[in-house]
């Protein structure tokens, strides 16, 4: 009987430790409004397109990453925008333990380039 209690206590202690270990990263993500997604979170670019500029902006809704993407030769800025973000606004989850989505949207187009913004959007508030 004493051995069974010890095993149950040990299992409960391990479960509590695992719960805390899983909750801490999620809590830190929810509290970090200054976090910005990495440039690698940008939707797939067509062959030949490349990121030529990177900047960061912040406002009351958090911070975001601004990327300038140059179109490949023979592609206009509007065609690049339509290929990279066909719906104009795209959000995607990055992983199982990251409860934020990375949302991407085009900000501006210029001759041969598109400015795209990336920002974390939390679905747990």
N, C-alpha and C. Protein backbone atom coordinates (compact mmCIF):
# COMPACT_ATOMS: atom_id res chain seq x y z
N UNK A 1 0.82 -1.19 0.00
CA UNK A 1 0.00 0.00 0.00
C UNK A 1 0.86 1.26 0.00
N UNK A 2 1.90 1.23 0.83
CA UNK A 2 2.80 2.37 0.90
C UNK A 2 3.53 2.56 -0.43
N UNK A 3 3.90 1.48 -1.07
CA UNK A 3 4.59 1.55 -2.36
C UNK A 3 3.67 2.12 -3.44
N UNK A 4 2.40 1.74 -3.44
CA UNK A 4 1.43 2.25 -4.41
C UNK A 4 1.26 3.75 -4.24
N UNK A 5 1.18 4.24 -3.02
CA UNK A 5 1.06 5.67 -2.77
C UNK A 5 2.28 6.42 -3.28
N UNK A 6 3.43 5.86 -3.08
CA UNK A 6 4.67 6.50 -3.55
C UNK A 6 4.69 6.59 -5.08
N UNK A 7 4.25 5.54 -5.73
CA UNK A 7 4.21 5.54 -7.20
C UNK A 7 3.20 6.57 -7.69
N UNK A 8 2.03 6.60 -7.06
CA UNK A 8 1.00 7.57 -7.46
C UNK A 8 1.51 9.00 -7.24
N UNK A 9 2.13 9.26 -6.11
CA UNK A 9 2.69 10.59 -5.86
C UNK A 9 3.76 10.96 -6.88
N UNK A 10 4.60 9.99 -7.21
CA UNK A 10 5.65 10.24 -8.21
C UNK A 10 5.07 10.56 -9.57
N UNK A 11 4.04 9.81 -9.98
CA UNK A 11 3.39 10.04 -11.27
C UNK A 11 2.72 11.42 -11.27
N UNK A 12 2.04 11.76 -10.19
CA UNK A 12 1.39 13.08 -10.10
C UNK A 12 2.42 14.21 -10.13
N UNK A 13 3.54 14.02 -9.46
CA UNK A 13 4.60 15.03 -9.48
C UNK A 13 5.17 15.20 -10.88
N UNK A 14 5.39 14.09 -11.58
CA UNK A 14 5.89 14.17 -12.95
C UNK A 14 4.87 14.85 -13.87
N UNK A 15 3.59 14.54 -13.68
CA UNK A 15 2.54 15.18 -14.49
C UNK A 15 2.50 16.68 -14.23
N UNK A 16 2.65 17.08 -12.98
CA UNK A 16 2.66 18.52 -12.65
C UNK A 16 3.86 19.21 -13.27
N UNK A 17 5.01 18.58 -13.21
CA UNK A 17 6.22 19.16 -13.81
C UNK A 17 6.05 19.27 -15.32
N UNK A 18 5.49 18.24 -15.95
CA UNK A 18 5.27 18.28 -17.41
C UNK A 18 4.28 19.38 -17.77
N UNK A 19 3.23 19.55 -16.98
CA UNK A 19 2.23 20.59 -17.26
C UNK A 19 2.86 21.98 -17.17
N UNK A 20 3.68 22.20 -16.16
CA UNK A 20 4.36 23.49 -16.01
C UNK A 20 5.33 23.71 -17.16
N UNK A 21 6.06 22.66 -17.53
CA UNK A 21 7.03 22.78 -18.63
C UNK A 21 6.35 23.11 -19.94
N UNK A 22 5.15 22.59 -20.16
CA UNK A 22 4.42 22.90 -21.39
C UNK A 22 3.73 24.26 -21.32
N UNK A 23 3.31 24.67 -20.14
CA UNK A 23 2.58 25.93 -19.99
C UNK A 23 3.50 27.15 -20.04
N UNK A 24 4.71 27.05 -19.54
CA UNK A 24 5.60 28.21 -19.50
C UNK A 24 5.90 28.79 -20.88
N UNK A 25 6.27 27.97 -21.87
CA UNK A 25 6.52 28.58 -23.19
C UNK A 25 5.27 29.23 -23.77
N UNK A 26 4.11 28.61 -23.58
CA UNK A 26 2.88 29.18 -24.10
C UNK A 26 2.55 30.51 -23.42
N UNK A 27 2.75 30.57 -22.13
CA UNK A 27 2.50 31.80 -21.39
C UNK A 27 3.46 32.90 -21.83
N UNK A 28 4.73 32.56 -22.02
CA UNK A 28 5.69 33.57 -22.44
C UNK A 28 5.36 34.10 -23.84
N UNK A 29 4.84 33.23 -24.71
CA UNK A 29 4.45 33.68 -26.05
C UNK A 29 3.26 34.63 -25.97
N UNK A 30 2.35 34.37 -25.08
CA UNK A 30 1.17 35.22 -24.95
C UNK A 30 1.53 36.59 -24.39
N UNK A 31 2.58 36.67 -23.60
CA UNK A 31 2.96 37.93 -22.97
C UNK A 31 3.92 38.77 -23.80
N UNK A 32 4.54 38.20 -24.81
CA UNK A 32 5.57 38.88 -25.58
C UNK A 32 4.97 39.61 -26.78
N UNK A 33 4.48 40.83 -26.57
CA UNK A 33 3.89 41.60 -27.67
C UNK A 33 4.94 42.16 -28.62
N UNK A 34 6.19 42.21 -28.20
CA UNK A 34 7.24 42.76 -29.05
C UNK A 34 7.84 41.74 -29.99
N UNK A 35 7.39 40.50 -29.92
CA UNK A 35 7.95 39.45 -30.77
C UNK A 35 7.55 39.67 -32.23
N UNK A 36 8.49 39.41 -33.10
CA UNK A 36 8.20 39.46 -34.54
C UNK A 36 8.61 38.13 -35.16
N UNK A 37 7.88 37.69 -36.17
CA UNK A 37 8.23 36.44 -36.83
C UNK A 37 9.54 36.58 -37.60
N UNK A 38 10.23 35.48 -37.82
CA UNK A 38 11.45 35.54 -38.63
C UNK A 38 11.09 35.70 -40.11
N UNK A 39 12.03 36.18 -40.88
CA UNK A 39 11.82 36.35 -42.33
C UNK A 39 11.50 35.01 -43.00
N UNK A 40 11.97 33.92 -42.41
CA UNK A 40 11.71 32.60 -42.99
C UNK A 40 10.23 32.22 -42.93
N UNK A 41 9.42 32.95 -42.17
CA UNK A 41 7.98 32.68 -42.09
C UNK A 41 7.22 33.25 -43.29
N UNK A 42 7.91 33.96 -44.16
CA UNK A 42 7.30 34.51 -45.37
C UNK A 42 6.80 33.37 -46.25
N UNK A 43 5.59 33.50 -46.84
CA UNK A 43 5.13 32.45 -47.75
C UNK A 43 6.15 32.22 -48.87
N UNK A 44 6.07 31.05 -49.47
CA UNK A 44 7.03 30.66 -50.51
C UNK A 44 7.09 31.70 -51.63
N UNK A 45 8.31 32.01 -52.02
CA UNK A 45 8.53 32.97 -53.10
C UNK A 45 8.74 32.22 -54.41
N UNK A 46 8.37 32.83 -55.53
CA UNK A 46 8.64 32.19 -56.82
C UNK A 46 10.15 32.17 -57.09
N UNK A 47 10.56 31.26 -57.92
CA UNK A 47 11.97 31.13 -58.28
C UNK A 47 12.49 32.45 -58.82
N UNK A 48 13.60 32.91 -58.27
CA UNK A 48 14.22 34.14 -58.72
C UNK A 48 13.86 35.37 -57.88
N UNK A 49 12.77 35.30 -57.12
CA UNK A 49 12.40 36.41 -56.25
C UNK A 49 13.30 36.37 -55.02
N UNK A 50 13.62 37.55 -54.48
CA UNK A 50 14.49 37.56 -53.31
C UNK A 50 14.15 38.73 -52.39
N UNK A 51 14.40 38.51 -51.11
CA UNK A 51 14.18 39.54 -50.11
C UNK A 51 15.38 40.49 -50.16
N UNK A 52 15.12 41.78 -50.36
CA UNK A 52 16.21 42.75 -50.48
C UNK A 52 16.21 43.78 -49.35
N UNK A 53 15.17 43.78 -48.53
CA UNK A 53 15.12 44.72 -47.42
C UNK A 53 14.34 44.16 -46.26
N UNK A 54 14.74 44.57 -45.05
CA UNK A 54 14.08 44.09 -43.85
C UNK A 54 14.03 45.23 -42.84
N UNK A 55 12.84 45.45 -42.27
CA UNK A 55 12.67 46.51 -41.28
C UNK A 55 11.64 46.04 -40.26
N UNK A 56 11.55 46.74 -39.15
CA UNK A 56 10.60 46.38 -38.11
C UNK A 56 9.76 47.61 -37.77
N UNK A 57 8.49 47.37 -37.50
CA UNK A 57 7.60 48.44 -37.07
C UNK A 57 6.83 47.98 -35.84
N UNK A 58 6.41 48.92 -35.02
CA UNK A 58 5.62 48.61 -33.82
C UNK A 58 4.50 49.62 -33.67
N UNK A 59 3.40 49.16 -33.10
CA UNK A 59 2.26 50.02 -32.83
C UNK A 59 1.49 49.42 -31.67
N UNK A 60 0.28 49.88 -31.48
CA UNK A 60 -0.51 49.42 -30.34
C UNK A 60 -0.90 47.96 -30.45
N UNK A 61 -0.87 47.39 -31.64
CA UNK A 61 -1.23 45.98 -31.84
C UNK A 61 -0.05 45.04 -31.79
N UNK A 62 1.11 45.53 -31.42
CA UNK A 62 2.31 44.70 -31.38
C UNK A 62 3.32 45.16 -32.41
N UNK A 63 4.23 44.29 -32.74
CA UNK A 63 5.28 44.61 -33.71
C UNK A 63 5.16 43.71 -34.93
N UNK A 64 5.74 44.12 -36.03
CA UNK A 64 5.69 43.36 -37.27
C UNK A 64 7.00 43.53 -38.01
N UNK A 65 7.23 42.62 -38.91
CA UNK A 65 8.41 42.62 -39.77
C UNK A 65 7.98 43.07 -41.16
N UNK A 66 8.70 44.02 -41.72
CA UNK A 66 8.42 44.49 -43.07
C UNK A 66 9.55 44.02 -43.99
N UNK A 67 9.19 43.28 -45.02
CA UNK A 67 10.17 42.76 -45.96
C UNK A 67 9.91 43.33 -47.34
N UNK A 68 10.97 43.70 -48.03
CA UNK A 68 10.87 44.12 -49.43
C UNK A 68 11.32 42.95 -50.28
N UNK A 69 10.45 42.52 -51.18
CA UNK A 69 10.73 41.37 -52.04
C UNK A 69 10.80 41.85 -53.47
N UNK A 70 11.93 41.60 -54.13
CA UNK A 70 12.08 41.95 -55.54
C UNK A 70 11.59 40.82 -56.41
N UNK A 71 10.83 41.17 -57.44
CA UNK A 71 10.30 40.18 -58.37
C UNK A 71 11.42 39.63 -59.26
N UNK A 72 11.28 38.40 -59.69
CA UNK A 72 12.27 37.88 -60.64
C UNK A 72 12.11 38.58 -61.99
N UNK A 73 13.12 38.46 -62.78
CA UNK A 73 13.10 39.11 -64.10
C UNK A 73 11.91 38.59 -64.91
N UNK A 74 11.19 39.50 -65.53
CA UNK A 74 10.04 39.13 -66.35
C UNK A 74 8.73 39.09 -65.58
N UNK A 75 8.75 39.36 -64.28
CA UNK A 75 7.52 39.35 -63.47
C UNK A 75 7.28 40.76 -62.93
N UNK A 76 6.05 41.22 -63.00
CA UNK A 76 5.72 42.54 -62.47
C UNK A 76 5.47 42.45 -60.97
N UNK A 77 5.43 43.60 -60.33
CA UNK A 77 5.15 43.64 -58.90
C UNK A 77 3.75 43.10 -58.59
N UNK A 78 2.79 43.37 -59.45
CA UNK A 78 1.43 42.88 -59.24
C UNK A 78 1.36 41.36 -59.39
N UNK A 79 2.10 40.81 -60.34
CA UNK A 79 2.14 39.36 -60.51
C UNK A 79 2.82 38.69 -59.30
N UNK A 80 3.87 39.32 -58.80
CA UNK A 80 4.56 38.79 -57.62
C UNK A 80 3.61 38.80 -56.42
N UNK A 81 2.92 39.90 -56.22
CA UNK A 81 1.96 40.01 -55.11
C UNK A 81 0.89 38.93 -55.23
N UNK A 82 0.36 38.70 -56.42
CA UNK A 82 -0.69 37.70 -56.63
C UNK A 82 -0.17 36.28 -56.41
N UNK A 83 1.10 36.04 -56.69
CA UNK A 83 1.64 34.70 -56.52
C UNK A 83 2.01 34.42 -55.06
N UNK A 84 2.59 35.40 -54.39
CA UNK A 84 3.02 35.18 -53.00
C UNK A 84 1.82 35.19 -52.05
N UNK A 85 0.90 36.13 -52.24
CA UNK A 85 -0.28 36.25 -51.36
C UNK A 85 -1.54 36.35 -52.22
N UNK A 86 -1.98 35.23 -52.79
CA UNK A 86 -3.12 35.27 -53.71
C UNK A 86 -4.41 35.79 -53.08
N UNK A 87 -4.61 35.54 -51.79
CA UNK A 87 -5.82 36.01 -51.12
C UNK A 87 -5.63 37.38 -50.49
N UNK A 88 -4.43 37.91 -50.58
CA UNK A 88 -4.15 39.23 -50.03
C UNK A 88 -3.78 39.23 -48.56
N UNK A 89 -4.25 38.24 -47.81
CA UNK A 89 -3.96 38.16 -46.38
C UNK A 89 -3.92 36.69 -46.04
N UNK A 90 -2.85 36.26 -45.41
CA UNK A 90 -2.69 34.83 -45.12
C UNK A 90 -2.17 34.65 -43.71
N UNK A 91 -2.75 33.72 -42.97
CA UNK A 91 -2.29 33.38 -41.63
C UNK A 91 -2.04 31.87 -41.56
N UNK A 92 -0.95 31.49 -40.91
CA UNK A 92 -0.62 30.07 -40.79
C UNK A 92 0.02 29.80 -39.44
N UNK A 93 -0.34 28.65 -38.85
CA UNK A 93 0.30 28.24 -37.60
C UNK A 93 1.71 27.77 -37.89
N UNK A 94 2.62 28.01 -36.94
CA UNK A 94 4.02 27.66 -37.13
C UNK A 94 4.40 26.34 -36.48
N UNK A 95 3.64 25.89 -35.49
CA UNK A 95 3.99 24.65 -34.83
C UNK A 95 2.95 24.25 -33.81
N UNK A 96 3.11 23.07 -33.25
CA UNK A 96 2.15 22.53 -32.30
C UNK A 96 2.15 23.30 -30.99
N UNK A 97 3.31 23.70 -30.50
CA UNK A 97 3.40 24.36 -29.22
C UNK A 97 3.41 25.88 -29.31
N UNK A 98 3.35 26.42 -30.49
CA UNK A 98 3.34 27.86 -30.68
C UNK A 98 1.90 28.26 -31.01
N UNK A 99 1.22 28.90 -30.06
CA UNK A 99 -0.19 29.23 -30.25
C UNK A 99 -0.39 30.57 -30.95
N UNK A 100 0.60 30.96 -31.74
CA UNK A 100 0.47 32.17 -32.54
C UNK A 100 0.43 31.74 -34.01
N UNK A 101 -0.26 32.54 -34.79
CA UNK A 101 -0.21 32.35 -36.24
C UNK A 101 0.64 33.48 -36.79
N UNK A 102 1.34 33.21 -37.87
CA UNK A 102 2.06 34.27 -38.57
C UNK A 102 1.15 34.73 -39.69
N UNK A 103 0.79 36.00 -39.65
CA UNK A 103 -0.07 36.58 -40.68
C UNK A 103 0.79 37.44 -41.61
N UNK A 104 0.53 37.32 -42.89
CA UNK A 104 1.27 38.05 -43.93
C UNK A 104 0.30 38.82 -44.78
N UNK A 105 0.68 40.03 -45.15
CA UNK A 105 -0.13 40.83 -46.05
C UNK A 105 0.76 41.80 -46.80
N UNK A 106 0.39 42.12 -48.05
CA UNK A 106 1.17 43.09 -48.82
C UNK A 106 0.85 44.50 -48.36
N UNK A 107 1.87 45.33 -48.25
CA UNK A 107 1.66 46.71 -47.83
C UNK A 107 1.71 47.66 -49.02
N UNK A 108 2.67 47.46 -49.88
CA UNK A 108 2.90 48.42 -50.95
C UNK A 108 3.58 47.70 -52.11
N UNK A 109 3.32 48.18 -53.30
CA UNK A 109 4.03 47.67 -54.47
C UNK A 109 4.71 48.83 -55.16
N UNK A 110 5.88 48.55 -55.68
CA UNK A 110 6.62 49.52 -56.47
C UNK A 110 7.05 48.81 -57.72
N UNK A 111 7.69 49.51 -58.61
CA UNK A 111 8.14 48.90 -59.85
C UNK A 111 9.06 47.72 -59.55
N UNK A 112 8.53 46.53 -59.70
CA UNK A 112 9.35 45.33 -59.56
C UNK A 112 9.52 44.80 -58.15
N UNK A 113 8.85 45.39 -57.15
CA UNK A 113 9.00 44.87 -55.79
C UNK A 113 7.69 45.01 -55.01
N UNK A 114 7.59 44.20 -53.96
CA UNK A 114 6.42 44.20 -53.09
C UNK A 114 6.91 44.28 -51.65
N UNK A 115 6.26 45.10 -50.85
CA UNK A 115 6.55 45.15 -49.42
C UNK A 115 5.52 44.27 -48.72
N UNK A 116 6.00 43.30 -47.94
CA UNK A 116 5.14 42.36 -47.24
C UNK A 116 5.39 42.51 -45.74
N UNK A 117 4.31 42.51 -44.97
CA UNK A 117 4.43 42.57 -43.51
C UNK A 117 4.08 41.22 -42.92
N UNK A 118 4.79 40.86 -41.85
CA UNK A 118 4.56 39.63 -41.11
C UNK A 118 4.35 39.99 -39.65
N UNK A 119 3.32 39.43 -39.04
CA UNK A 119 3.04 39.72 -37.63
C UNK A 119 2.46 38.47 -36.99
N UNK A 120 2.81 38.27 -35.71
CA UNK A 120 2.19 37.18 -34.96
C UNK A 120 0.78 37.57 -34.60
N UNK A 121 -0.11 36.62 -34.72
CA UNK A 121 -1.49 36.79 -34.27
C UNK A 121 -1.78 35.63 -33.33
N UNK A 122 -2.16 35.97 -32.13
CA UNK A 122 -2.45 34.92 -31.14
C UNK A 122 -3.92 34.54 -31.23
N UNK A 123 -4.21 33.25 -31.22
CA UNK A 123 -5.61 32.84 -31.22
C UNK A 123 -6.06 32.52 -29.80
N UNK A 124 -5.14 32.63 -28.84
CA UNK A 124 -5.49 32.51 -27.43
C UNK A 124 -5.18 33.86 -26.81
N UNK A 125 -6.16 34.51 -26.26
CA UNK A 125 -5.95 35.83 -25.63
C UNK A 125 -6.13 35.74 -24.14
